Amino acid sequence: MPAPLAASTSLQDIPTATLRKLLAPVTHTRGKHARFQNWATTFKSHPRAMFRPRSVEEVRWVVELARREAVELRASGSGHSPSDLVCTEGYIVNIDSVQGVLEVSEVE
């Protein structure tokens, strides 16, 4: 695994090859972990890659990689959608493993 990045490192300063190495532990390109299927099994998709990030920083890396490579990126959760909204041949980011409250704003 690559060395950790300094907290002040900008996404633009991270080479694409380094982004791929940083994301390797959460990237799936083959097998059951690299496909999407909704709960009713009515919609299925075989994306180029499925990412299962564990932190907000890893989500940022996925979004940046997709932007640089001009690859469509869709987000998935538990797969309860009765539509094909998540289906893509591009990238899917599954955010089920990202834990914690990031911010709370009071509504007045």
PDB file of N, CA and C in Angstrom:
ATOM      1  N   MET A   1       0.854  -1.185   0.000  1.00  0.00           N
ATOM      2  CA  MET A   1       0.000   0.000   0.000  1.00  0.00           C
ATOM      3  C   MET A   1       0.891   1.235   0.000  1.00  0.00           C
ATOM      4  N   PRO A   2       0.526   2.278  -0.768  1.00  0.00           N
ATOM      5  CA  PRO A   2       1.328   3.485  -0.829  1.00  0.00           C
ATOM      6  C   PRO A   2       1.364   4.197   0.522  1.00  0.00           C
ATOM      7  N   ALA A   3       2.390   5.025   0.683  1.00  0.00           N
ATOM      8  CA  ALA A   3       2.523   5.800   1.917  1.00  0.00           C
ATOM      9  C   ALA A   3       1.343   6.755   2.037  1.00  0.00           C
ATOM     10  N   PRO A   4       0.904   7.040   3.279  1.00  0.00           N
ATOM     11  CA  PRO A   4      -0.211   7.969   3.464  1.00  0.00           C
ATOM     12  C   PRO A   4       0.140   9.352   2.921  1.00  0.00           C
ATOM     13  N   LEU A   5      -0.867  10.069   2.493  1.00  0.00           N
ATOM     14  CA  LEU A   5      -0.671  11.415   1.970  1.00  0.00           C
ATOM     15  C   LEU A   5      -0.765  12.421   3.101  1.00  0.00           C
ATOM     16  N   ALA A   6      -0.064  13.527   2.948  1.00  0.00           N
ATOM     17  CA  ALA A   6      -0.177  14.614   3.919  1.00  0.00           C
ATOM     18  C   ALA A   6      -1.585  15.183   3.847  1.00  0.00           C
ATOM     19  N   ALA A   7      -2.111  15.611   4.976  1.00  0.00           N
ATOM     20  CA  ALA A   7      -3.470  16.149   5.031  1.00  0.00           C
ATOM     21  C   ALA A   7      -3.650  17.340   4.096  1.00  0.00           C
ATOM     22  N   SER A   8      -2.570  18.062   3.827  1.00  0.00           N
ATOM     23  CA  SER A   8      -2.663  19.253   2.984  1.00  0.00           C
ATOM     24  C   SER A   8      -2.537  18.946   1.488  1.00  0.00           C
ATOM     25  N   THR A   9      -2.376  17.669   1.122  1.00  0.00           N
ATOM     26  CA  THR A   9      -2.211  17.307  -0.280  1.00  0.00           C
ATOM     27  C   THR A   9      -3.497  17.570  -1.055  1.00  0.00           C
ATOM     28  N   SER A  10      -3.377  18.343  -2.118  1.00  0.00           N
ATOM     29  CA  SER A  10      -4.513  18.644  -2.983  1.00  0.00           C
ATOM     30  C   SER A  10      -4.734  17.480  -3.939  1.00  0.00           C
ATOM     31  N   LEU A  11      -5.988  17.238  -4.315  1.00  0.00           N
ATOM     32  CA  LEU A  11      -6.291  16.168  -5.273  1.00  0.00           C
ATOM     33  C   LEU A  11      -5.532  16.364  -6.581  1.00  0.00           C
ATOM     34  N   GLN A  12      -5.368  17.618  -7.000  1.00  0.00           N
ATOM     35  CA  GLN A  12      -4.674  17.900  -8.251  1.00  0.00           C
ATOM     36  C   GLN A  12      -3.201  17.529  -8.184  1.00  0.00           C
ATOM     37  N   ASP A  13      -2.645  17.452  -6.977  1.00  0.00           N
ATOM     38  CA  ASP A  13      -1.230  17.120  -6.811  1.00  0.00           C
ATOM     39  C   ASP A  13      -0.967  15.621  -6.764  1.00  0.00           C
ATOM     40  N   ILE A  14      -2.014  14.813  -6.767  1.00  0.00           N
ATOM     41  CA  ILE A  14      -1.857  13.360  -6.694  1.00  0.00           C
ATOM     42  C   ILE A  14      -1.861  12.798  -8.119  1.00  0.00           C
ATOM     43  N   PRO A  15      -0.775  12.154  -8.538  1.00  0.00           N
ATOM     44  CA  PRO A  15      -0.760  11.558  -9.877  1.00  0.00           C
ATOM     45  C   PRO A  15      -1.842  10.479 -10.010  1.00  0.00           C
ATOM     46  N   THR A  16      -2.350  10.298 -11.212  1.00  0.00           N
ATOM     47  CA  THR A  16      -3.401   9.319 -11.461  1.00  0.00           C
ATOM     48  C   THR A  16      -2.962   7.914 -11.048  1.00  0.00           C
ATOM     49  N   ALA A  17      -1.728   7.555 -11.326  1.00  0.00           N
ATOM     50  CA  ALA A  17      -1.223   6.227 -10.931  1.00  0.00           C
ATOM     51  C   ALA A  17      -1.262   6.064  -9.414  1.00  0.00           C
ATOM     52  N   THR A  18      -0.983   7.125  -8.685  1.00  0.00           N
ATOM     53  CA  THR A  18      -1.041   7.068  -7.215  1.00  0.00           C
ATOM     54  C   THR A  18      -2.474   6.924  -6.741  1.00  0.00           C
ATOM     55  N   LEU A  19      -3.404   7.624  -7.390  1.00  0.00           N
ATOM     56  CA  LEU A  19      -4.825   7.473  -7.037  1.00  0.00           C
ATOM     57  C   LEU A  19      -5.249   6.014  -7.188  1.00  0.00           C
ATOM     58  N   ARG A  20      -4.859   5.391  -8.293  1.00  0.00           N
ATOM     59  CA  ARG A  20      -5.218   3.984  -8.510  1.00  0.00           C
ATOM     60  C   ARG A  20      -4.641   3.092  -7.412  1.00  0.00           C
ATOM     61  N   LYS A  21      -3.387   3.357  -7.013  1.00  0.00           N
ATOM     62  CA  LYS A  21      -2.757   2.550  -5.949  1.00  0.00           C
ATOM     63  C   LYS A  21      -3.458   2.764  -4.617  1.00  0.00           C
ATOM     64  N   LEU A  22      -3.822   4.015  -4.332  1.00  0.00           N
ATOM     65  CA  LEU A  22      -4.519   4.316  -3.084  1.00  0.00           C
ATOM     66  C   LEU A  22      -5.877   3.625  -3.032  1.00  0.00           C
ATOM     67  N   LEU A  23      -6.528   3.519  -4.184  1.00  0.00           N
ATOM     68  CA  LEU A  23      -7.861   2.919  -4.251  1.00  0.00           C
ATOM     69  C   LEU A  23      -7.845   1.403  -4.429  1.00  0.00           C
ATOM     70  N   ALA A  24      -6.702   0.818  -4.694  1.00  0.00           N
ATOM     71  CA  ALA A  24      -6.619  -0.628  -4.958  1.00  0.00           C
ATOM     72  C   ALA A  24      -7.306  -1.483  -3.893  1.00  0.00           C
ATOM     73  N   PRO A  25      -7.145  -1.188  -2.593  1.00  0.00           N
ATOM     74  CA  PRO A  25      -7.804  -2.042  -1.584  1.00  0.00           C
ATOM     75  C   PRO A  25      -9.330  -2.004  -1.604  1.00  0.00           C
ATOM     76  N   VAL A  26      -9.919  -0.979  -2.224  1.00  0.00           N
ATOM     77  CA  VAL A  26     -11.383  -0.860  -2.235  1.00  0.00           C
ATOM     78  C   VAL A  26     -11.955  -0.965  -3.645  1.00  0.00           C
ATOM     79  N   THR A  27     -11.140  -1.424  -4.593  1.00  0.00           N
ATOM     80  CA  THR A  27     -11.551  -1.537  -5.989  1.00  0.00           C
ATOM     81  C   THR A  27     -11.797  -2.989  -6.355  1.00  0.00           C
ATOM     82  N   HIS A  28     -12.937  -3.230  -7.005  1.00  0.00           N
ATOM     83  CA  HIS A  28     -13.281  -4.579  -7.481  1.00  0.00           C
ATOM     84  C   HIS A  28     -13.551  -4.493  -8.975  1.00  0.00           C
ATOM     85  N   THR A  29     -12.887  -5.345  -9.738  1.00  0.00           N
ATOM     86  CA  THR A  29     -13.100  -5.345 -11.184  1.00  0.00           C
ATOM     87  C   THR A  29     -13.572  -6.698 -11.699  1.00  0.00           C
ATOM     88  N   ARG A  30     -13.598  -7.710 -10.834  1.00  0.00           N
ATOM     89  CA  ARG A  30     -14.050  -9.049 -11.250  1.00  0.00           C
ATOM     90  C   ARG A  30     -14.877  -9.683 -10.144  1.00  0.00           C
ATOM     91  N   GLY A  31     -15.671 -10.664 -10.531  1.00  0.00           N
ATOM     92  CA  GLY A  31     -16.430 -11.444  -9.558  1.00  0.00           C
ATOM     93  C   GLY A  31     -17.673 -10.757  -9.050  1.00  0.00           C
ATOM     94  N   LYS A  32     -18.266 -11.362  -8.022  1.00  0.00           N
ATOM     95  CA  LYS A  32     -19.550 -10.868  -7.525  1.00  0.00           C
ATOM     96  C   LYS A  32     -19.461  -9.477  -6.919  1.00  0.00           C
ATOM     97  N   HIS A  33     -18.280  -9.078  -6.461  1.00  0.00           N
ATOM     98  CA  HIS A  33     -18.132  -7.746  -5.869  1.00  0.00           C
ATOM     99  C   HIS A  33     -17.995  -6.657  -6.921  1.00  0.00           C
ATOM    100  N   ALA A  34     -17.899  -7.038  -8.184  1.00  0.00           N
ATOM    101  CA  ALA A  34     -17.730  -6.069  -9.266  1.00  0.00           C
ATOM    102  C   ALA A  34     -18.971  -5.978 -10.134  1.00  0.00           C
ATOM    103  N   ARG A  35     -20.104  -6.271  -9.566  1.00  0.00           N
ATOM    104  CA  ARG A  35     -21.340  -6.123 -10.327  1.00  0.00           C
ATOM    105  C   ARG A  35     -22.419  -5.522  -9.427  1.00  0.00           C
ATOM    106  N   PHE A  36     -23.387  -4.909 -10.061  1.00  0.00           N
ATOM    107  CA  PHE A  36     -24.510  -4.342  -9.324  1.00  0.00           C
ATOM    108  C   PHE A  36     -25.763  -5.125  -9.672  1.00  0.00           C
ATOM    109  N   GLN A  37     -26.575  -5.354  -8.657  1.00  0.00           N
ATOM    110  CA  GLN A  37     -27.873  -5.994  -8.860  1.00  0.00           C
ATOM    111  C   GLN A  37     -28.809  -5.434  -7.796  1.00  0.00           C
ATOM    112  N   ASN A  38     -29.991  -4.973  -8.211  1.00  0.00           N
ATOM    113  CA  ASN A  38     -30.911  -4.457  -7.204  1.00  0.00           C
ATOM    114  C   ASN A  38     -31.537  -5.625  -6.425  1.00  0.00           C
ATOM    115  N   TRP A  39     -32.212  -5.313  -5.352  1.00  0.00           N
ATOM    116  CA  TRP A  39     -32.711  -6.345  -4.434  1.00  0.00           C
ATOM    117  C   TRP A  39     -33.666  -7.316  -5.115  1.00  0.00           C
ATOM    118  N   ALA A  40     -34.427  -6.832  -6.092  1.00  0.00           N
ATOM    119  CA  ALA A  40     -35.406  -7.687  -6.765  1.00  0.00           C
ATOM    120  C   ALA A  40     -34.798  -8.462  -7.939  1.00  0.00           C
ATOM    121  N   THR A  41     -33.538  -8.247  -8.185  1.00  0.00           N
ATOM    122  CA  THR A  41     -32.784  -8.858  -9.293  1.00  0.00           C
ATOM    123  C   THR A  41     -33.366  -8.523 -10.660  1.00  0.00           C
ATOM    124  N   THR A  42     -34.098  -7.414 -10.752  1.00  0.00           N
ATOM    125  CA  THR A  42     -34.674  -7.014 -12.031  1.00  0.00           C
ATOM    126  C   THR A  42     -33.700  -6.196 -12.871  1.00  0.00           C
ATOM    127  N   PHE A  43     -32.699  -5.608 -12.222  1.00  0.00           N
ATOM    128  CA  PHE A  43     -31.701  -4.817 -12.931  1.00  0.00           C
ATOM    129  C   PHE A  43     -30.311  -5.252 -12.504  1.00  0.00           C
ATOM    130  N   LYS A  44     -29.452  -5.439 -13.486  1.00  0.00           N
ATOM    131  CA  LYS A  44     -28.067  -5.858 -13.229  1.00  0.00           C
ATOM    132  C   LYS A  44     -27.150  -5.010 -14.088  1.00  0.00           C
ATOM    133  N   SER A  45     -25.936  -4.836 -13.593  1.00  0.00           N
ATOM    134  CA  SER A  45     -24.955  -4.041 -14.313  1.00  0.00           C
ATOM    135  C   SER A  45     -23.569  -4.607 -14.044  1.00  0.00           C
ATOM    136  N   HIS A  46     -22.724  -4.557 -15.058  1.00  0.00           N
ATOM    137  CA  HIS A  46     -21.334  -4.998 -14.916  1.00  0.00           C
ATOM    138  C   HIS A  46     -20.434  -3.806 -15.219  1.00  0.00           C
ATOM    139  N   PRO A  47     -20.184  -2.978 -14.210  1.00  0.00           N
ATOM    140  CA  PRO A  47     -19.376  -1.776 -14.431  1.00  0.00           C
ATOM    141  C   PRO A  47     -17.902  -2.121 -14.668  1.00  0.00           C
ATOM    142  N   ARG A  48     -17.188  -1.150 -15.178  1.00  0.00           N
ATOM    143  CA  ARG A  48     -15.740  -1.287 -15.370  1.00  0.00           C
ATOM    144  C   ARG A  48     -15.054  -1.559 -14.023  1.00  0.00           C
ATOM    145  N   ALA A  49     -15.551  -0.897 -12.968  1.00  0.00           N
ATOM    146  CA  ALA A  49     -15.032  -1.124 -11.613  1.00  0.00           C
ATOM    147  C   ALA A  49     -16.095  -0.725 -10.604  1.00  0.00           C
ATOM    148  N   MET A  50     -16.061  -1.407  -9.474  1.00  0.00           N
ATOM    149  CA  MET A  50     -16.938  -1.089  -8.340  1.00  0.00           C
ATOM    150  C   MET A  50     -16.006  -0.706  -7.191  1.00  0.00           C
ATOM    151  N   PHE A  51     -16.254   0.454  -6.613  1.00  0.00           N
ATOM    152  CA  PHE A  51     -15.442   0.927  -5.492  1.00  0.00           C
ATOM    153  C   PHE A  51     -16.268   0.848  -4.215  1.00  0.00           C
ATOM    154  N   ARG A  52     -15.651   0.387  -3.147  1.00  0.00           N
ATOM    155  CA  ARG A  52     -16.295   0.315  -1.832  1.00  0.00           C
ATOM    156  C   ARG A  52     -15.434   1.080  -0.820  1.00  0.00           C
ATOM    157  N   PRO A  53     -15.443   2.419  -0.920  1.00  0.00           N
ATOM    158  CA  PRO A  53     -14.608   3.227  -0.030  1.00  0.00           C
ATOM    159  C   PRO A  53     -15.053   3.125   1.424  1.00  0.00           C
ATOM    160  N   ARG A  54     -14.091   3.381   2.312  1.00  0.00           N
ATOM    161  CA  ARG A  54     -14.369   3.304   3.746  1.00  0.00           C
ATOM    162  C   ARG A  54     -14.328   4.673   4.407  1.00  0.00           C
ATOM    163  N   SER A  55     -13.956   5.693   3.658  1.00  0.00           N
ATOM    164  CA  SER A  55     -13.842   7.040   4.230  1.00  0.00           C
ATOM    165  C   SER A  55     -14.232   8.085   3.193  1.00  0.00           C
ATOM    166  N   VAL A  56     -14.465   9.279   3.671  1.00  0.00           N
ATOM    167  CA  VAL A  56     -14.799  10.388   2.778  1.00  0.00           C
ATOM    168  C   VAL A  56     -13.619  10.659   1.841  1.00  0.00           C
ATOM    169  N   GLU A  57     -12.416  10.548   2.357  1.00  0.00           N
ATOM    170  CA  GLU A  57     -11.220  10.777   1.529  1.00  0.00           C
ATOM    171  C   GLU A  57     -11.174   9.791   0.362  1.00  0.00           C
ATOM    172  N   GLU A  58     -11.478   8.530   0.613  1.00  0.00           N
ATOM    173  CA  GLU A  58     -11.502   7.542  -0.469  1.00  0.00           C
ATOM    174  C   GLU A  58     -12.609   7.859  -1.479  1.00  0.00           C
ATOM    175  N   VAL A  59     -13.741   8.360  -1.021  1.00  0.00           N
ATOM    176  CA  VAL A  59     -14.811   8.769  -1.940  1.00  0.00           C
ATOM    177  C   VAL A  59     -14.299   9.902  -2.834  1.00  0.00           C
ATOM    178  N   ARG A  60     -13.595  10.861  -2.256  1.00  0.00           N
ATOM    179  CA  ARG A  60     -13.021  11.966  -3.031  1.00  0.00           C
ATOM    180  C   ARG A  60     -12.070  11.440  -4.095  1.00  0.00           C
ATOM    181  N   TRP A  61     -11.260  10.432  -3.755  1.00  0.00           N
ATOM    182  CA  TRP A  61     -10.312   9.858  -4.714  1.00  0.00           C
ATOM    183  C   TRP A  61     -11.052   9.186  -5.871  1.00  0.00           C
ATOM    184  N   VAL A  62     -12.135   8.479  -5.557  1.00  0.00           N
ATOM    185  CA  VAL A  62     -12.933   7.816  -6.607  1.00  0.00           C
ATOM    186  C   VAL A  62     -13.512   8.866  -7.556  1.00  0.00           C
ATOM    187  N   VAL A  63     -14.091   9.912  -7.010  1.00  0.00           N
ATOM    188  CA  VAL A  63     -14.693  10.961  -7.832  1.00  0.00           C
ATOM    189  C   VAL A  63     -13.622  11.619  -8.711  1.00  0.00           C
ATOM    190  N   GLU A  64     -12.466  11.876  -8.139  1.00  0.00           N
ATOM    191  CA  GLU A  64     -11.379  12.501  -8.907  1.00  0.00           C
ATOM    192  C   GLU A  64     -10.885  11.576 -10.019  1.00  0.00           C
ATOM    193  N   LEU A  65     -10.745  10.290  -9.733  1.00  0.00           N
ATOM    194  CA  LEU A  65     -10.309   9.338 -10.752  1.00  0.00           C
ATOM    195  C   LEU A  65     -11.318   9.278 -11.903  1.00  0.00           C
ATOM    196  N   ALA A  66     -12.593   9.216 -11.576  1.00  0.00           N
ATOM    197  CA  ALA A  66     -13.627   9.188 -12.614  1.00  0.00           C
ATOM    198  C   ALA A  66     -13.606  10.465 -13.438  1.00  0.00           C
ATOM    199  N   ARG A  67     -13.400  11.594 -12.784  1.00  0.00           N
ATOM    200  CA  ARG A  67     -13.330  12.879 -13.505  1.00  0.00           C
ATOM    201  C   ARG A  67     -12.162  12.883 -14.482  1.00  0.00           C
ATOM    202  N   ARG A  68     -10.989  12.480 -14.001  1.00  0.00           N
ATOM    203  CA  ARG A  68      -9.792  12.478 -14.849  1.00  0.00           C
ATOM    204  C   ARG A  68      -9.933  11.539 -16.036  1.00  0.00           C
ATOM    205  N   GLU A  69     -10.555  10.400 -15.802  1.00  0.00           N
ATOM    206  CA  GLU A  69     -10.676   9.400 -16.863  1.00  0.00           C
ATOM    207  C   GLU A  69     -11.943   9.573 -17.691  1.00  0.00           C
ATOM    208  N   ALA A  70     -12.750  10.584 -17.362  1.00  0.00           N
ATOM    209  CA  ALA A  70     -14.010  10.861 -18.060  1.00  0.00           C
ATOM    210  C   ALA A  70     -14.888   9.611 -18.115  1.00  0.00           C
ATOM    211  N   VAL A  71     -14.985   8.929 -16.968  1.00  0.00           N
ATOM    212  CA  VAL A  71     -15.792   7.715 -16.851  1.00  0.00           C
ATOM    213  C   VAL A  71     -17.040   8.053 -16.035  1.00  0.00           C
ATOM    214  N   GLU A  72     -18.191   7.601 -16.521  1.00  0.00           N
ATOM    215  CA  GLU A  72     -19.435   7.823 -15.787  1.00  0.00           C
ATOM    216  C   GLU A  72     -19.336   7.188 -14.402  1.00  0.00           C
ATOM    217  N   LEU A  73     -19.791   7.911 -13.386  1.00  0.00           N
ATOM    218  CA  LEU A  73     -19.751   7.431 -12.005  1.00  0.00           C
ATOM    219  C   LEU A  73     -21.159   7.470 -11.443  1.00  0.00           C
ATOM    220  N   ARG A  74     -21.606   6.344 -10.920  1.00  0.00           N
ATOM    221  CA  ARG A  74     -22.914   6.249 -10.267  1.00  0.00           C
ATOM    222  C   ARG A  74     -22.704   5.812  -8.823  1.00  0.00           C
ATOM    223  N   ALA A  75     -23.557   6.276  -7.939  1.00  0.00           N
ATOM    224  CA  ALA A  75     -23.484   5.901  -6.524  1.00  0.00           C
ATOM    225  C   ALA A  75     -24.554   4.870  -6.213  1.00  0.00           C
ATOM    226  N   SER A  76     -24.187   3.903  -5.381  1.00  0.00           N
ATOM    227  CA  SER A  76     -25.169   2.900  -4.963  1.00  0.00           C
ATOM    228  C   SER A  76     -25.153   2.777  -3.452  1.00  0.00           C
ATOM    229  N   GLY A  77     -26.255   2.260  -2.951  1.00  0.00           N
ATOM    230  CA  GLY A  77     -26.369   2.005  -1.520  1.00  0.00           C
ATOM    231  C   GLY A  77     -26.793   0.572  -1.325  1.00  0.00           C
ATOM    232  N   SER A  78     -27.972   0.383  -0.781  1.00  0.00           N
ATOM    233  CA  SER A  78     -28.433  -0.965  -0.456  1.00  0.00           C
ATOM    234  C   SER A  78     -29.069  -1.701  -1.635  1.00  0.00           C
ATOM    235  N   GLY A  79     -29.290  -1.024  -2.756  1.00  0.00           N
ATOM    236  CA  GLY A  79     -29.844  -1.684  -3.939  1.00  0.00           C
ATOM    237  C   GLY A  79     -31.347  -1.839  -3.922  1.00  0.00           C
ATOM    238  N   HIS A  80     -32.045  -0.995  -3.136  1.00  0.00           N
ATOM    239  CA  HIS A  80     -33.499  -1.117  -3.045  1.00  0.00           C
ATOM    240  C   HIS A  80     -34.252  -0.379  -4.142  1.00  0.00           C
ATOM    241  N   SER A  81     -33.540   0.298  -5.025  1.00  0.00           N
ATOM    242  CA  SER A  81     -34.210   1.049  -6.080  1.00  0.00           C
ATOM    243  C   SER A  81     -34.914   0.105  -7.054  1.00  0.00           C
ATOM    244  N   PRO A  82     -36.168   0.409  -7.389  1.00  0.00           N
ATOM    245  CA  PRO A  82     -36.885  -0.431  -8.362  1.00  0.00           C
ATOM    246  C   PRO A  82     -36.582  -0.015  -9.799  1.00  0.00           C
ATOM    247  N   SER A  83     -35.486   0.712 -10.009  1.00  0.00           N
ATOM    248  CA  SER A  83     -35.141   1.167 -11.358  1.00  0.00           C
ATOM    249  C   SER A  83     -33.699   0.793 -11.692  1.00  0.00           C
ATOM    250  N   ASP A  84     -33.286   1.185 -12.890  1.00  0.00           N
ATOM    251  CA  ASP A  84     -31.921   0.903 -13.324  1.00  0.00           C
ATOM    252  C   ASP A  84     -31.008   2.117 -13.121  1.00  0.00           C
ATOM    253  N   LEU A  85     -31.344   2.976 -12.193  1.00  0.00           N
ATOM    254  CA  LEU A  85     -30.621   4.214 -11.957  1.00  0.00           C
ATOM    255  C   LEU A  85     -29.124   4.006 -11.731  1.00  0.00           C
ATOM    256  N   VAL A  86     -28.737   2.965 -11.033  1.00  0.00           N
ATOM    257  CA  VAL A  86     -27.324   2.722 -10.713  1.00  0.00           C
ATOM    258  C   VAL A  86     -26.589   2.034 -11.863  1.00  0.00           C
ATOM    259  N   CYS A  87     -27.294   1.363 -12.716  1.00  0.00           N
ATOM    260  CA  CYS A  87     -26.659   0.575 -13.780  1.00  0.00           C
ATOM    261  C   CYS A  87     -25.800   1.434 -14.695  1.00  0.00           C
ATOM    262  N   THR A  88     -24.577   0.987 -14.931  1.00  0.00           N
ATOM    263  CA  THR A  88     -23.640   1.689 -15.789  1.00  0.00           C
ATOM    264  C   THR A  88     -22.547   0.731 -16.241  1.00  0.00           C
ATOM    265  N   GLU A  89     -21.894   1.082 -17.320  1.00  0.00           N
ATOM    266  CA  GLU A  89     -20.701   0.360 -17.754  1.00  0.00           C
ATOM    267  C   GLU A  89     -19.456   1.099 -17.273  1.00  0.00           C
ATOM    268  N   GLY A  90     -19.661   2.215 -16.568  1.00  0.00           N
ATOM    269  CA  GLY A  90     -18.563   3.018 -16.044  1.00  0.00           C
ATOM    270  C   GLY A  90     -18.159   2.549 -14.660  1.00  0.00           C
ATOM    271  N   TYR A  91     -18.136   3.471 -13.705  1.00  0.00           N
ATOM    272  CA  TYR A  91     -17.758   3.169 -12.322  1.00  0.00           C
ATOM    273  C   TYR A  91     -18.985   3.268 -11.418  1.00  0.00           C
ATOM    274  N   ILE A  92     -19.023   2.419 -10.402  1.00  0.00           N
ATOM    275  CA  ILE A  92     -20.028   2.517  -9.343  1.00  0.00           C
ATOM    276  C   ILE A  92     -19.286   2.657  -8.025  1.00  0.00           C
ATOM    277  N   VAL A  93     -19.727   3.593  -7.212  1.00  0.00           N
ATOM    278  CA  VAL A  93     -19.170   3.750  -5.870  1.00  0.00           C
ATOM    279  C   VAL A  93     -20.272   3.367  -4.881  1.00  0.00           C
ATOM    280  N   ASN A  94     -19.991   2.353  -4.078  1.00  0.00           N
ATOM    281  CA  ASN A  94     -20.933   1.875  -3.065  1.00  0.00           C
ATOM    282  C   ASN A  94     -20.484   2.468  -1.735  1.00  0.00           C
ATOM    283  N   ILE A  95     -21.318   3.292  -1.143  1.00  0.00           N
ATOM    284  CA  ILE A  95     -20.911   4.016   0.058  1.00  0.00           C
ATOM    285  C   ILE A  95     -21.402   3.373   1.364  1.00  0.00           C
ATOM    286  N   ASP A  96     -21.800   2.112   1.311  1.00  0.00           N
ATOM    287  CA  ASP A  96     -22.274   1.429   2.516  1.00  0.00           C
ATOM    288  C   ASP A  96     -21.244   1.390   3.642  1.00  0.00           C
ATOM    289  N   SER A  97     -19.961   1.379   3.318  1.00  0.00           N
ATOM    290  CA  SER A  97     -18.916   1.246   4.344  1.00  0.00           C
ATOM    291  C   SER A  97     -18.430   2.576   4.904  1.00  0.00           C
ATOM    292  N   VAL A  98     -18.926   3.685   4.366  1.00  0.00           N
ATOM    293  CA  VAL A  98     -18.550   4.993   4.896  1.00  0.00           C
ATOM    294  C   VAL A  98     -19.422   5.243   6.115  1.00  0.00           C
ATOM    295  N   GLN A  99     -18.787   5.374   7.271  1.00  0.00           N
ATOM    296  CA  GLN A  99     -19.512   5.488   8.534  1.00  0.00           C
ATOM    297  C   GLN A  99     -19.354   6.873   9.152  1.00  0.00           C
ATOM    298  N   GLY A 100     -20.316   7.237   9.973  1.00  0.00           N
ATOM    299  CA  GLY A 100     -20.209   8.452  10.768  1.00  0.00           C
ATOM    300  C   GLY A 100     -20.997   9.616  10.219  1.00  0.00           C
ATOM    301  N   VAL A 101     -21.316  10.541  11.089  1.00  0.00           N
ATOM    302  CA  VAL A 101     -22.009  11.767  10.722  1.00  0.00           C
ATOM    303  C   VAL A 101     -20.954  12.783  10.364  1.00  0.00           C
ATOM    304  N   LEU A 102     -21.071  13.403   9.203  1.00  0.00           N
ATOM    305  CA  LEU A 102     -20.084  14.372   8.757  1.00  0.00           C
ATOM    306  C   LEU A 102     -20.413  15.779   9.205  1.00  0.00           C
ATOM    307  N   GLU A 103     -21.681  16.127   9.189  1.00  0.00           N
ATOM    308  CA  GLU A 103     -22.088  17.470   9.554  1.00  0.00           C
ATOM    309  C   GLU A 103     -23.576  17.481   9.864  1.00  0.00           C
ATOM    310  N   VAL A 104     -23.958  18.272  10.815  1.00  0.00           N
ATOM    311  CA  VAL A 104     -25.370  18.436  11.146  1.00  0.00           C
ATOM    312  C   VAL A 104     -25.688  19.920  11.069  1.00  0.00           C
ATOM    313  N   SER A 105     -26.712  20.244  10.303  1.00  0.00           N
ATOM    314  CA  SER A 105     -27.147  21.644  10.179  1.00  0.00           C
ATOM    315  C   SER A 105     -28.568  21.739  10.695  1.00  0.00           C
ATOM    316  N   GLU A 106     -28.800  22.715  11.543  1.00  0.00           N
ATOM    317  CA  GLU A 106     -30.143  22.921  12.062  1.00  0.00           C
ATOM    318  C   GLU A 106     -30.986  23.646  11.031  1.00  0.00           C
ATOM    319  N   VAL A 107     -32.238  23.216  10.895  1.00  0.00           N
ATOM    320  CA  VAL A 107     -33.175  23.870  10.004  1.00  0.00           C
ATOM    321  C   VAL A 107     -34.035  24.805  10.847  1.00  0.00           C
ATOM    322  N   GLU A 108     -34.104  26.042  10.415  1.00  0.00           N
ATOM    323  CA  GLU A 108     -34.885  27.023  11.198  1.00  0.00           C
ATOM    324  C   GLU A 108     -36.253  27.191  10.626  1.00  0.00           C
TER     325      GLU A 108
END
